[in-house]
Protein backbone atom coordinates (compact mmCIF):
# COMPACT_ATOMS: atom_id res chain seq x y z
CA MET A 1 84.42 105.26 99.35
CA PRO A 2 83.30 104.23 102.82
CA TYR A 3 80.22 105.83 104.27
CA GLY A 4 78.25 105.46 107.45
CA GLY A 5 74.70 105.77 108.65
CA GLU A 6 71.70 103.58 109.20
CA HIS A 7 72.22 101.57 106.03
CA ASP A 8 75.95 101.05 106.48
CA PRO A 9 76.36 100.34 110.19
CA GLY A 10 79.31 97.96 109.75
CA THR A 11 79.71 94.21 109.82
CA SER A 12 79.48 93.90 113.60
CA VAL A 13 76.01 95.44 113.73
CA ALA A 14 74.87 93.37 110.75
CA GLY A 15 76.29 90.27 112.39
CA ASP A 16 74.42 90.97 115.61
CA ARG A 17 71.16 91.25 113.67
CA ALA A 18 71.84 87.96 111.88
CA ARG A 19 73.02 85.92 114.83
CA ALA A 20 69.61 85.14 116.27
CA LEU A 21 68.35 84.17 112.82
CA GLU A 22 71.10 81.74 111.87
CA ASP A 23 68.79 79.01 110.57
CA ALA A 24 66.00 81.25 109.27
CA ALA A 25 66.82 80.81 105.58
CA SER A 26 68.41 77.35 105.60
CA GLN A 27 65.36 75.59 104.11
CA PRO A 28 62.85 76.49 101.39
CA ILE A 29 59.70 78.14 102.72
CA ALA A 30 56.30 76.74 101.80
CA ALA A 31 54.42 79.18 99.54
CA PRO A 32 50.69 79.85 99.90
CA ASP A 33 49.56 77.68 96.98
CA GLY A 34 51.92 74.74 97.34
CA GLY A 35 55.11 76.06 95.76
CA TRP A 36 58.37 76.93 97.46
CA ILE A 37 60.22 80.14 98.23
CA ARG A 38 64.01 79.97 98.35
CA VAL A 39 66.00 82.84 99.84
CA GLY A 40 69.70 83.41 99.28
CA THR A 41 72.30 85.88 98.04
CA ALA A 42 73.75 86.88 94.67
CA SER A 43 77.26 85.81 95.62
CA TRP A 44 79.14 83.59 98.00
CA THR A 45 82.69 84.61 97.05
CA ASP A 46 82.90 88.41 97.21
CA PRO A 47 86.18 89.37 98.95
CA THR A 48 84.31 91.53 101.47
CA MET A 49 82.17 88.49 102.31
CA THR A 50 85.02 86.00 102.60
CA ALA A 51 87.11 88.30 104.82
CA SER A 52 87.93 86.78 108.20
CA GLY A 53 85.13 86.89 110.76
CA VAL A 54 82.53 88.45 108.44
CA PHE A 55 80.28 85.57 107.36
CA TYR A 56 82.28 82.36 107.11
CA PRO A 57 83.45 80.59 110.26
CA SER A 58 87.09 80.24 111.15
CA GLY A 59 88.62 77.40 109.14
CA ALA A 60 86.34 77.78 106.10
CA ASP A 61 89.22 79.00 103.98
CA THR A 62 88.92 77.03 100.74
CA ALA A 63 86.42 77.33 97.91
CA GLU A 64 85.05 73.89 98.78
CA GLU A 65 84.58 74.69 102.48
CA ARG A 66 82.93 78.04 101.78
CA LEU A 67 80.39 76.71 99.31
CA ALA A 68 79.58 73.76 101.57
CA TYR A 69 79.04 76.13 104.50
CA TYR A 70 76.94 78.53 102.44
CA ALA A 71 74.75 75.64 101.23
CA ARG A 72 73.97 74.77 104.86
CA GLN A 73 72.73 78.33 105.46
CA PHE A 74 70.72 78.94 102.28
CA PRO A 75 69.00 76.75 99.65
CA VAL A 76 69.84 78.95 96.63
CA VAL A 77 72.65 81.14 95.35
CA GLU A 78 73.23 83.26 92.29
CA VAL A 79 76.44 82.65 90.34
CA ASP A 80 77.90 86.01 89.32
CA ALA A 81 81.22 84.74 87.94
CA THR A 82 79.58 83.44 84.75
CA TYR A 83 78.89 87.03 83.70
CA TYR A 84 82.63 87.65 83.40
CA ALA A 85 83.90 84.29 82.17
CA LEU A 86 82.18 81.38 80.45
CA PRO A 87 81.51 78.50 82.85
CA SER A 88 83.29 75.19 82.45
CA PRO A 89 81.80 71.73 82.95
CA ALA A 90 84.60 70.96 85.43
CA MET A 91 83.67 73.90 87.65
CA SER A 92 79.96 73.10 87.47
CA GLU A 93 80.74 69.52 88.45
CA LEU A 94 82.61 70.78 91.52
CA TRP A 95 79.60 72.88 92.51
CA VAL A 96 77.40 69.80 92.25
CA ARG A 97 79.77 67.75 94.41
CA ARG A 98 80.06 70.43 97.09
CA THR A 99 76.32 70.98 97.64
CA PRO A 100 73.30 68.87 98.61
CA PRO A 101 71.15 67.55 95.73
CA ASP A 102 68.31 69.97 96.56
CA PHE A 103 70.55 73.06 96.49
CA THR A 104 69.83 75.43 93.58
CA PHE A 105 72.11 77.61 91.48
CA ASP A 106 70.80 80.56 89.50
CA VAL A 107 73.37 81.59 86.91
CA LYS A 108 73.95 85.02 85.42
CA ALA A 109 74.33 84.97 81.64
CA HIS A 110 77.72 85.88 80.24
CA ALA A 111 78.03 89.54 79.21
CA ILE A 112 78.37 88.70 75.50
CA LEU A 113 74.98 86.97 75.56
CA THR A 114 73.10 90.09 76.68
CA GLY A 115 74.77 92.72 74.51
CA GLN A 116 77.38 93.78 77.02
CA PRO A 117 81.16 93.90 76.62
CA SER A 118 83.52 91.16 77.72
CA GLU A 119 87.21 91.51 78.37
CA THR A 120 88.88 89.79 75.43
CA ARG A 121 91.46 88.12 77.63
CA ARG A 122 88.72 86.38 79.62
CA LEU A 123 87.23 84.62 76.61
CA PRO A 124 88.28 80.98 76.11
CA LYS A 125 91.59 80.56 74.32
CA ALA A 126 89.96 78.68 71.44
CA ILE A 127 87.73 81.69 70.74
CA ARG A 128 90.57 84.19 71.13
CA ASP A 129 92.77 82.23 68.74
CA ALA A 130 90.00 82.19 66.12
CA LEU A 131 89.38 85.95 66.21
CA PRO A 132 90.42 88.07 63.22
CA PRO A 133 93.58 90.04 64.14
CA ASP A 134 91.83 93.42 64.15
CA VAL A 135 89.22 92.08 66.57
CA ALA A 136 91.66 90.15 68.76
CA SER A 137 93.58 93.36 69.46
CA LYS A 138 90.60 95.03 71.13
CA PRO A 139 90.63 94.97 74.95
CA ARG A 140 86.86 94.48 75.09
CA LEU A 141 84.46 92.80 72.69
CA TYR A 142 80.73 92.84 72.06
CA ALA A 143 78.72 90.09 70.37
CA LYS A 144 78.57 92.21 67.21
CA ASP A 145 82.38 92.09 67.05
CA LEU A 146 82.44 88.30 66.76
CA PRO A 147 82.05 86.40 63.50
CA ALA A 148 78.75 84.50 63.41
CA GLU A 149 80.39 81.13 64.01
CA LEU A 150 82.15 82.43 67.14
CA ARG A 151 78.92 83.93 68.47
CA ASP A 152 77.33 80.51 68.04
CA GLU A 153 80.29 78.89 69.77
CA THR A 154 79.98 81.28 72.72
CA TRP A 155 76.36 80.25 73.24
CA ARG A 156 77.30 76.59 72.91
CA LEU A 157 80.15 76.81 75.41
CA PHE A 158 77.98 78.66 77.93
CA ALA A 159 75.30 75.95 77.85
CA GLU A 160 77.91 73.18 77.85
CA GLY A 161 79.53 74.66 80.94
CA LEU A 162 76.23 74.38 82.83
CA GLU A 163 75.43 70.82 81.75
CA PRO A 164 76.48 69.18 85.07
CA LEU A 165 74.08 71.51 86.91
CA ARG A 166 71.28 70.76 84.46
CA ALA A 167 71.89 67.02 84.64
CA SER A 168 71.80 67.07 88.44
CA GLY A 169 68.61 69.13 88.52
CA GLN A 170 70.38 71.88 90.45
CA ILE A 171 70.06 74.80 88.05
CA GLY A 172 67.25 77.21 88.71
CA ALA A 173 67.46 79.68 85.86
CA VAL A 174 69.79 81.70 83.68
CA PHE A 175 69.46 85.40 84.47
CA LEU A 176 69.51 87.58 81.36
CA GLN A 177 70.39 91.05 82.60
CA TYR A 178 70.04 93.64 79.84
CA PRO A 179 72.00 96.89 80.17
CA ARG A 180 70.80 100.48 80.31
CA TRP A 181 71.26 101.03 76.58
CA VAL A 182 68.81 98.28 75.62
CA PHE A 183 65.46 100.00 75.05
CA PRO A 184 62.12 98.33 74.34
CA SER A 185 62.06 97.51 70.63
CA SER A 186 61.28 94.68 68.27
CA GLU A 187 65.01 94.03 67.94
CA ALA A 188 65.43 93.78 71.73
CA ARG A 189 62.45 91.47 72.11
CA ASP A 190 63.82 89.26 69.34
CA ALA A 191 67.14 89.09 71.18
CA ILE A 192 65.36 87.92 74.34
CA LEU A 193 63.52 85.21 72.41
CA GLU A 194 66.75 84.14 70.72
CA ALA A 195 68.42 83.79 74.13
CA ALA A 196 65.54 81.71 75.50
CA GLU A 197 65.59 79.45 72.44
CA ARG A 198 69.35 78.99 72.44
CA LEU A 199 69.41 78.15 76.15
CA ALA A 200 66.42 75.80 76.16
CA PRO A 201 65.65 73.61 78.06
CA LEU A 202 67.20 75.86 80.72
CA ARG A 203 64.77 78.36 82.22
CA CYS A 204 65.46 82.05 81.66
CA ALA A 205 64.61 85.12 83.72
CA VAL A 206 64.94 88.66 82.36
CA GLU A 207 66.04 91.73 84.29
CA PHE A 208 65.90 95.16 82.67
CA ARG A 209 68.14 98.09 83.55
CA ASN A 210 66.27 100.72 81.54
CA GLY A 211 63.11 102.06 83.11
CA SER A 212 61.37 102.64 79.78
CA TRP A 213 60.55 98.92 79.58
CA LEU A 214 58.17 99.40 82.49
CA ASN A 215 56.92 102.95 82.12
CA GLU A 216 53.24 103.74 81.71
CA LYS A 217 53.47 103.32 77.94
CA ASN A 218 55.36 100.03 77.79
CA ALA A 219 54.78 98.06 81.01
CA GLU A 220 51.71 96.15 79.85
CA ARG A 221 53.34 95.20 76.55
CA THR A 222 56.61 94.18 78.23
CA LEU A 223 54.96 91.95 80.81
CA GLY A 224 52.56 90.55 78.22
CA PHE A 225 55.49 89.67 75.97
CA LEU A 226 57.28 87.79 78.76
CA SER A 227 54.07 86.06 79.86
CA GLY A 228 53.27 85.02 76.30
CA HIS A 229 56.57 83.21 76.07
CA GLY A 230 56.69 81.91 79.64
CA ILE A 231 59.85 83.86 80.49
CA ALA A 232 60.24 84.97 84.09
CA PHE A 233 60.35 88.70 84.86
CA VAL A 234 62.89 89.65 87.50
CA MET A 235 61.23 91.90 90.06
CA VAL A 236 63.64 94.30 91.72
CA ASP A 237 64.09 96.54 94.69
CA GLY A 238 66.69 99.15 93.85
CA PRO A 239 67.51 102.84 93.67
CA GLN A 240 64.75 105.01 92.19
CA GLY A 241 64.78 108.26 90.24
CA LEU A 242 67.48 107.25 87.74
CA LYS A 243 67.29 106.32 84.04
CA SER A 244 68.15 102.74 84.94
CA SER A 245 65.61 102.58 87.75
CA ILE A 246 63.05 99.81 87.53
CA PRO A 247 59.88 100.30 89.58
CA PRO A 248 59.23 97.65 92.25
CA LEU A 249 56.44 96.00 90.26
CA VAL A 250 55.04 92.62 91.24
CA ALA A 251 54.48 90.42 88.21
CA THR A 252 54.77 86.67 87.71
CA THR A 253 55.17 85.97 84.01
CA SER A 254 56.16 82.30 84.17
CA PRO A 255 54.25 79.48 85.88
CA ASP A 256 57.60 77.87 86.71
CA LEU A 257 59.52 80.67 88.37
CA ALA A 258 59.22 84.05 90.06
CA VAL A 259 62.37 86.00 90.92
CA VAL A 260 62.95 88.97 93.22
CA ARG A 261 66.39 90.61 93.47
CA PHE A 262 67.30 93.22 96.09
CA HIS A 263 70.03 95.63 94.99
CA GLY A 264 69.98 98.03 97.93
CA ARG A 265 68.95 101.65 97.52
CA ARG A 266 72.26 103.46 97.32
CA ALA A 267 71.29 105.87 94.53
CA GLU A 268 74.44 108.00 94.69
CA THR A 269 76.63 105.11 93.50
CA TRP A 270 74.20 103.18 91.28
CA GLU A 271 75.22 104.84 88.02
CA ALA A 272 78.55 106.28 89.17
CA GLN A 273 81.64 105.59 87.10
CA GLY A 274 85.04 104.44 88.30
CA ILE A 275 84.03 102.97 91.65
CA PRO A 276 84.34 99.36 92.86
CA THR A 277 81.26 97.35 91.95
CA VAL A 278 80.74 96.33 95.57
CA GLU A 279 80.19 99.99 96.51
CA ARG A 280 77.01 100.11 94.44
CA PHE A 281 75.50 97.46 96.69
CA ARG A 282 76.86 98.57 100.07
CA TYR A 283 73.46 98.92 101.69
CA LEU A 284 71.87 97.13 104.65
CA TYR A 285 68.07 97.10 104.48
CA SER A 286 66.11 97.89 107.60
CA LYS A 287 63.27 95.64 108.73
CA ASP A 288 60.84 98.43 107.83
CA GLU A 289 62.12 98.32 104.25
CA LEU A 290 61.86 94.54 103.97
CA GLU A 291 58.42 94.08 105.52
CA PRO A 292 56.40 95.60 102.62
CA TRP A 293 57.95 93.03 100.30
CA VAL A 294 56.57 90.06 102.25
CA PRO A 295 53.00 90.25 100.86
CA LYS A 296 54.42 91.08 97.42
CA ILE A 297 56.60 87.97 97.43
CA GLU A 298 53.69 85.88 98.65
CA GLN A 299 51.51 87.29 95.86
CA ALA A 300 54.15 86.44 93.26
CA ALA A 301 54.62 82.96 94.72
CA THR A 302 50.93 82.07 94.32
CA LYS A 303 51.45 82.03 90.55
CA ALA A 304 54.73 80.12 90.25
CA ARG A 305 55.98 76.71 91.35
CA ASP A 306 59.28 78.19 92.56
CA THR A 307 60.11 81.66 93.86
CA HIS A 308 63.68 82.82 94.33
CA VAL A 309 64.49 85.83 96.53
CA LEU A 310 68.08 86.96 96.15
CA MET A 311 69.95 89.67 98.03
CA ASN A 312 72.35 91.41 95.68
CA ASN A 313 73.55 93.84 98.36
CA CYS A 314 76.56 91.56 98.71
CA PHE A 315 78.87 93.82 100.64
CA ALA A 316 80.37 91.85 103.55
CA ASN A 317 77.53 90.27 105.58
CA TYR A 318 74.81 92.74 104.52
CA GLY A 319 73.23 90.39 101.96
CA THR A 320 73.34 87.32 104.18
CA THR A 321 71.87 89.28 107.09
CA ASN A 322 68.99 90.65 105.03
CA ALA A 323 68.39 87.21 103.47
CA ARG A 324 67.91 85.70 106.91
CA GLU A 325 65.71 88.60 107.98
CA ILE A 326 63.33 88.40 105.04
CA ALA A 327 63.23 84.60 105.30
CA LYS A 328 62.19 84.98 108.93
CA LEU A 329 59.47 87.43 107.96
CA LEU A 330 58.18 85.08 105.27
CA GLY A 331 58.36 82.09 107.59
CA ASP A 332 56.45 83.91 110.31
CA VAL A 333 53.60 84.62 107.88
CA ARG A 334 53.34 80.95 106.97
CA ALA A 335 53.43 79.93 110.65
CA ASP A 336 50.51 82.19 111.60
């Protein structure tokens, strides 16, 4: 569903905006109190991004060449593929080999681990073969569908798949993204703590997709809960006015990590059904929309050793363009 306008001007316009800023985000930015701010995108492999002439140079046609090129442009990336399929140690080892030792991967938790459905066929064969017949026949599975021992095995395999990244010091955090139907409750908070405990020593960051976690009644308790357990709160810029809308609050709940994710503001597609995922994020921020976030990011960064700013508007070169633009804005503040 293509659309036009200021926030979807096309890849040529976005490319023109990015061209003069080619190196703006290539290195971490010094934060006000001695930490570091890393800016990147929430994907490096989206088909609209890897299309010829969009972001990658001519000749960067393989997975190895693309990741190596990306890692020269940005110091951090979010791995989205792990949401759909459990990571493997072999793949993580390839990521380590293809990037510099100071490059950082943030990794999205697999759907099963945050109460969301997974396609049965995408689970590892060993798990599929161990499923009871009535469960194995379902096209999609939730954690509650799995016998306890297979739930445990799913957690184990997820952590095992990330071990090369952990061993190399290149993993930033595991992003636990909870869906719209997860409301603030004792059960939900227990699930967050269970995830953090199962994944330790990996750092976790939590993103909510139900606004009630941060409404007037619950915001203080939610942020206090995360702070009390040293779990990072994912700050977001996204569409407003919807049940899943999260207000653009600034809160650092972990001394180790602050995270900001930019989803774009395309409200008409955010909760729409039956559209390509990339259409939800087909939004190019203007400079006027990015500038107010600069002092907010700096404020968050004063309370954490590392701050990650990730553009999830990963349609074509929109995310990479906005990543360079906000990195330039942050860098200019530090240079003044």
